[in-house]
Amino acid sequence: MMEELKVPTMAEMMASGQQPEFLFWVGCAGSFDDRAKKITKAFVRLLNRAGVSFAVLGTEESCNGDPAKRAGNEFLFQMQAMMNIQVLDGYGVKKIVTACPHCFNTLKNEYPELGGNYEVIHHTQLLKSLLDEKRLSIEGGQFRGKRITFHDPCYLGRANNVYEAPRELIQKLDAELVEMKRSRANGLCCGAGGAQMFKDAEPGNKEINIERTEEALGLEPTIIAAGCPFCNTMLTDGVKGKEKEADVKVMDVAELIANAQDL
């Protein structure tokens, strides 16, 4: 039986005189992409289970501006950022958690110079601290002994040096974590960063996501774990391209934990 998702908005919280501990920044992918919505729901179930006080902006949330900035439209980025900062500050937001490394990197590192100062964490970091504090527990049963490889999202890993949190979560599942040759600081991009997600491929003889998927499949994993909705899309496309979707699943770390919890 699926627990009902409780997702209050900041406006509702404010109206009842409450201030949540975290603003959950859902992001464009987590809001509109059908595959990424499942990651959003899995993460919300975990937050509900752990009793974390959080809220979303709902219709008041706009794109953080990462795609505009990466594509070179600094003016549009600043307009989007200023609007978001106004909304966030209006609600007195201090801490933000997001399941998208692009949102994470932009809110954490690029909003301060426009006056938006928040403590921003990635969902894998929050899940790890919830487990450390015993607010969540994992029975690794269904993943025990399964081979899982983790693909480092560029904006989580190389841009922000977050390597351990997602790996520690996978190891808590009693799974066998197998590393690709190019991992951590030496990780290979899935091919979607820098606004590449939204444009056609450039001339060449192989797509980056195929190169990366081949590297992952070479380890014969049961699951390729990701911590980013863009990476998830690119790797899923790669696995389909190799006609391996019956054997290998691409899952977000939050989904692994939620599944282990039977949420």
Protein backbone atom coordinates (compact mmCIF):
# COMPACT_ATOMS: atom_id res chain seq x y z
CA MET A 1 0.00 0.00 0.00
CA MET A 2 1.53 3.27 -1.16
CA GLU A 3 1.66 5.92 1.52
CA GLU A 4 -0.01 9.15 0.52
CA LEU A 5 2.56 11.77 -0.41
CA LYS A 6 2.53 14.84 1.81
CA VAL A 7 4.00 17.78 -0.08
CA PRO A 8 3.13 21.15 1.47
CA THR A 9 3.91 24.38 -0.38
CA MET A 10 5.77 27.28 1.18
CA ALA A 11 2.61 29.39 0.79
CA GLU A 12 0.57 26.86 2.81
CA MET A 13 3.28 26.65 5.46
CA MET A 14 3.51 30.42 5.69
CA ALA A 15 -0.28 30.73 5.99
CA SER A 16 -0.27 28.37 8.98
CA GLY A 17 2.66 30.21 10.58
CA GLN A 18 5.18 27.40 10.07
CA GLN A 19 8.73 27.49 8.69
CA PRO A 20 9.97 24.16 7.29
CA GLU A 21 13.54 23.06 7.87
CA PHE A 22 14.14 22.53 4.14
CA LEU A 23 12.86 23.94 0.92
CA PHE A 24 12.81 21.04 -1.57
CA TRP A 25 13.80 22.55 -4.91
CA VAL A 26 12.20 20.14 -7.38
CA GLY A 27 13.72 21.49 -10.61
CA CYS A 28 12.36 21.36 -14.15
CA ALA A 29 13.21 17.69 -14.75
CA GLY A 30 11.77 16.57 -11.42
CA SER A 31 8.57 18.50 -12.12
CA PHE A 32 7.90 17.79 -15.79
CA ASP A 33 9.92 14.79 -16.99
CA ASP A 34 7.90 11.60 -16.49
CA ARG A 35 10.95 9.52 -15.53
CA ALA A 36 12.35 12.16 -13.16
CA LYS A 37 8.95 12.58 -11.46
CA LYS A 38 9.45 9.05 -10.10
CA ILE A 39 12.71 10.18 -8.47
CA THR A 40 10.89 13.18 -6.95
CA LYS A 41 8.19 10.90 -5.53
CA ALA A 42 10.72 8.41 -4.14
CA PHE A 43 12.60 11.22 -2.40
CA VAL A 44 9.38 12.71 -0.97
CA ARG A 45 8.38 9.28 0.42
CA LEU A 46 11.74 9.10 2.19
CA LEU A 47 11.35 12.64 3.59
CA ASN A 48 7.83 11.77 4.80
CA ARG A 49 9.05 8.50 6.36
CA ALA A 50 11.90 10.28 8.17
CA GLY A 51 9.57 13.02 9.41
CA VAL A 52 11.58 15.80 7.74
CA SER A 53 9.84 19.18 7.76
CA PHE A 54 9.99 20.43 4.17
CA ALA A 55 7.98 22.36 1.60
CA VAL A 56 8.10 23.11 -2.13
CA LEU A 57 7.48 26.36 -3.96
CA GLY A 58 4.95 24.70 -6.27
CA THR A 59 3.87 27.01 -9.08
CA GLU A 60 6.14 29.73 -7.68
CA GLU A 61 9.24 27.72 -8.60
CA SER A 62 10.84 28.73 -11.88
CA CYS A 63 13.90 27.28 -13.67
CA ASN A 64 17.07 28.09 -11.72
CA GLY A 65 18.71 29.38 -14.92
CA ASP A 66 21.42 26.74 -15.37
CA PRO A 67 20.53 25.87 -19.01
CA ALA A 68 20.43 29.56 -19.99
CA LYS A 69 23.78 30.27 -18.34
CA ARG A 70 25.50 27.19 -19.82
CA ALA A 71 24.16 28.02 -23.27
CA GLY A 72 25.69 31.49 -22.95
CA ASN A 73 22.63 33.63 -22.19
CA GLU A 74 23.90 35.34 -19.04
CA PHE A 75 21.18 38.00 -19.21
CA LEU A 76 18.37 35.42 -19.12
CA PHE A 77 20.13 33.54 -16.32
CA GLN A 78 20.35 36.65 -14.15
CA MET A 79 16.70 37.48 -14.77
CA GLN A 80 15.63 33.97 -13.77
CA ALA A 81 17.92 33.95 -10.74
CA MET A 82 16.79 37.36 -9.45
CA MET A 83 13.13 36.31 -9.67
CA ASN A 84 13.84 33.10 -7.75
CA ILE A 85 15.92 34.90 -5.10
CA GLN A 86 13.05 37.33 -4.54
CA VAL A 87 10.64 34.43 -3.95
CA LEU A 88 13.08 32.48 -1.74
CA ASP A 89 13.95 35.50 0.39
CA GLY A 90 10.27 36.42 0.65
CA TYR A 91 9.73 33.08 2.39
CA GLY A 92 12.86 33.41 4.51
CA VAL A 93 14.37 30.22 3.05
CA LYS A 94 17.69 29.21 4.66
CA LYS A 95 18.23 25.57 3.63
CA ILE A 96 17.55 24.03 0.22
CA VAL A 97 17.70 20.37 -0.80
CA THR A 98 17.49 19.27 -4.44
CA ALA A 99 17.75 16.01 -6.37
CA CYS A 100 19.30 17.75 -9.40
CA PRO A 101 23.04 18.55 -9.39
CA HIS A 102 22.47 21.34 -11.93
CA CYS A 103 20.05 23.10 -9.56
CA PHE A 104 22.39 22.24 -6.65
CA ASN A 105 25.47 23.78 -8.28
CA THR A 106 23.69 26.91 -9.54
CA LEU A 107 21.83 27.68 -6.30
CA LYS A 108 24.90 26.93 -4.18
CA ASN A 109 27.65 28.57 -6.20
CA GLU A 110 26.10 31.13 -8.54
CA TYR A 111 23.21 32.64 -6.60
CA PRO A 112 25.40 34.19 -3.85
CA GLU A 113 26.93 36.76 -6.24
CA LEU A 114 23.39 37.89 -7.07
CA GLY A 115 22.49 38.15 -3.38
CA GLY A 116 20.94 34.71 -2.85
CA ASN A 117 22.71 33.04 0.08
CA TYR A 118 21.41 29.63 1.14
CA GLU A 119 22.74 26.39 2.54
CA VAL A 120 22.24 24.01 -0.40
CA ILE A 121 22.61 20.23 -0.22
CA HIS A 122 22.12 17.37 -2.64
CA HIS A 123 19.51 14.76 -1.84
CA THR A 124 22.16 12.04 -1.42
CA GLN A 125 23.82 14.14 1.31
CA LEU A 126 20.53 14.59 3.17
CA LEU A 127 19.64 10.89 2.87
CA LYS A 128 23.07 9.96 4.23
CA SER A 129 22.65 12.23 7.26
CA LEU A 130 19.11 10.87 7.87
CA LEU A 131 20.56 7.34 7.93
CA ASP A 132 23.47 8.42 10.15
CA GLU A 133 20.98 10.01 12.56
CA LYS A 134 18.87 6.82 12.50
CA ARG A 135 15.86 8.75 11.19
CA LEU A 136 15.82 6.31 8.26
CA SER A 137 16.87 2.68 8.23
CA ILE A 138 17.63 0.38 5.34
CA GLU A 139 17.03 -3.30 4.96
CA GLY A 140 19.23 -4.05 1.98
CA GLY A 141 17.46 -7.33 1.26
CA GLN A 142 16.40 -6.92 -2.34
CA PHE A 143 19.73 -5.40 -3.39
CA ARG A 144 21.98 -7.72 -1.39
CA GLY A 145 24.88 -8.89 -3.51
CA LYS A 146 23.65 -7.06 -6.63
CA ARG A 147 26.33 -5.36 -8.69
CA ILE A 148 25.74 -1.63 -8.77
CA THR A 149 27.98 0.94 -10.44
CA PHE A 150 27.61 4.63 -9.68
CA HIS A 151 27.96 7.29 -12.37
CA ASP A 152 29.28 10.58 -10.93
CA PRO A 153 27.25 13.58 -12.15
CA CYS A 154 29.67 16.33 -13.23
CA TYR A 155 27.98 19.06 -11.20
CA LEU A 156 27.91 16.90 -8.08
CA GLY A 157 31.36 15.36 -8.35
CA ARG A 158 33.95 17.44 -10.11
CA ALA A 159 32.20 20.77 -9.57
CA ASN A 160 31.41 20.25 -5.86
CA ASN A 161 33.53 17.32 -4.67
CA VAL A 162 30.56 15.25 -3.47
CA TYR A 163 31.72 11.69 -4.06
CA GLU A 164 31.17 9.77 -0.83
CA ALA A 165 27.49 10.35 0.08
CA PRO A 166 25.96 8.45 -2.87
CA ARG A 167 28.50 5.62 -2.56
CA GLU A 168 27.93 5.20 1.17
CA LEU A 169 24.18 4.94 0.52
CA ILE A 170 24.73 2.20 -2.08
CA GLN A 171 27.02 0.29 0.28
CA LYS A 172 24.37 0.45 3.02
CA LEU A 173 22.14 -1.59 0.68
CA ASP A 174 24.56 -4.54 1.09
CA ALA A 175 25.14 -4.27 -2.64
CA GLU A 176 28.45 -4.82 -4.39
CA LEU A 177 29.62 -1.38 -5.53
CA VAL A 178 31.76 -1.73 -8.66
CA GLU A 179 33.63 1.31 -9.95
CA MET A 180 34.06 2.31 -13.57
CA LYS A 181 37.61 3.10 -14.67
CA ARG A 182 36.61 6.74 -15.09
CA SER A 183 35.00 7.63 -11.78
CA ARG A 184 35.10 10.29 -9.07
CA ALA A 185 37.31 13.26 -10.10
CA ASN A 186 38.15 11.41 -13.31
CA GLY A 187 34.49 10.68 -14.15
CA LEU A 188 33.18 10.97 -17.70
CA CYS A 189 30.24 13.28 -18.42
CA CYS A 190 27.00 11.57 -19.53
CA GLY A 191 26.81 14.06 -22.39
CA ALA A 192 23.97 16.27 -21.10
CA GLY A 193 25.86 18.94 -19.13
CA GLY A 194 26.53 22.46 -20.34
CA ALA A 195 23.04 22.67 -21.89
CA GLN A 196 23.92 19.82 -24.29
CA MET A 197 20.72 18.14 -23.06
CA PHE A 198 18.72 20.58 -25.19
CA LYS A 199 20.60 20.54 -28.50
CA ASP A 200 21.37 18.16 -31.29
CA ALA A 201 24.53 16.09 -31.40
CA GLU A 202 27.63 17.50 -33.03
CA PRO A 203 29.58 15.65 -35.75
CA GLY A 204 31.50 12.62 -34.51
CA ASN A 205 31.41 8.86 -34.63
CA LYS A 206 29.90 8.11 -31.20
CA GLU A 207 27.57 9.78 -28.72
CA ILE A 208 29.10 10.46 -25.29
CA ASN A 209 26.23 8.70 -23.50
CA ILE A 210 26.91 5.54 -25.54
CA GLU A 211 30.61 5.69 -24.61
CA ARG A 212 29.70 6.07 -20.94
CA THR A 213 27.03 3.34 -21.05
CA GLU A 214 29.49 0.92 -22.67
CA GLU A 215 31.92 1.60 -19.85
CA ALA A 216 29.20 0.85 -17.26
CA LEU A 217 27.93 -2.27 -19.05
CA GLY A 218 31.50 -3.58 -19.21
CA LEU A 219 31.26 -4.16 -15.44
CA GLU A 220 28.15 -6.33 -15.94
CA PRO A 221 26.11 -4.47 -13.31
CA THR A 222 22.50 -5.21 -12.37
CA ILE A 223 21.93 -1.50 -11.79
CA ILE A 224 23.58 1.69 -12.99
CA ALA A 225 22.95 4.21 -10.21
CA ALA A 226 22.78 7.94 -10.88
CA GLY A 227 22.21 11.03 -8.78
CA CYS A 228 20.98 13.36 -11.51
CA PRO A 229 17.85 13.35 -13.71
CA PHE A 230 19.86 14.37 -16.81
CA CYS A 231 22.38 11.56 -16.28
CA ASN A 232 19.46 9.19 -15.73
CA THR A 233 17.97 10.10 -19.12
CA MET A 234 21.28 9.81 -20.98
CA LEU A 235 22.23 6.48 -19.42
CA THR A 236 18.71 5.07 -19.90
CA ASP A 237 18.93 6.03 -23.59
CA GLY A 238 22.35 4.38 -23.75
CA VAL A 239 21.09 1.15 -22.19
CA LYS A 240 18.16 1.12 -24.63
CA GLY A 241 20.54 1.78 -27.52
CA LYS A 242 22.52 -1.30 -26.47
CA GLU A 243 19.23 -3.26 -26.09
CA LYS A 244 20.09 -4.14 -22.50
CA GLU A 245 17.05 -2.66 -20.75
CA ALA A 246 15.79 -6.14 -19.81
CA ASP A 247 19.03 -6.85 -17.89
CA VAL A 248 20.21 -3.51 -16.52
CA LYS A 249 18.17 -0.85 -14.73
CA VAL A 250 19.15 2.81 -14.42
CA MET A 251 17.99 4.12 -11.04
CA ASP A 252 18.48 7.19 -8.89
CA VAL A 253 20.06 6.58 -5.49
CA ALA A 254 16.85 7.85 -3.81
CA GLU A 255 14.85 5.20 -5.69
CA LEU A 256 17.22 2.47 -4.47
CA ILE A 257 16.73 3.57 -0.85
CA ALA A 258 12.94 3.94 -1.27
CA ASN A 259 12.74 0.46 -2.82
CA ALA A 260 14.82 -1.02 -0.01
CA GLN A 261 12.34 0.62 2.38
CA ASP A 262 9.39 -0.78 0.39
CA LEU A 263 7.98 2.74 0.14
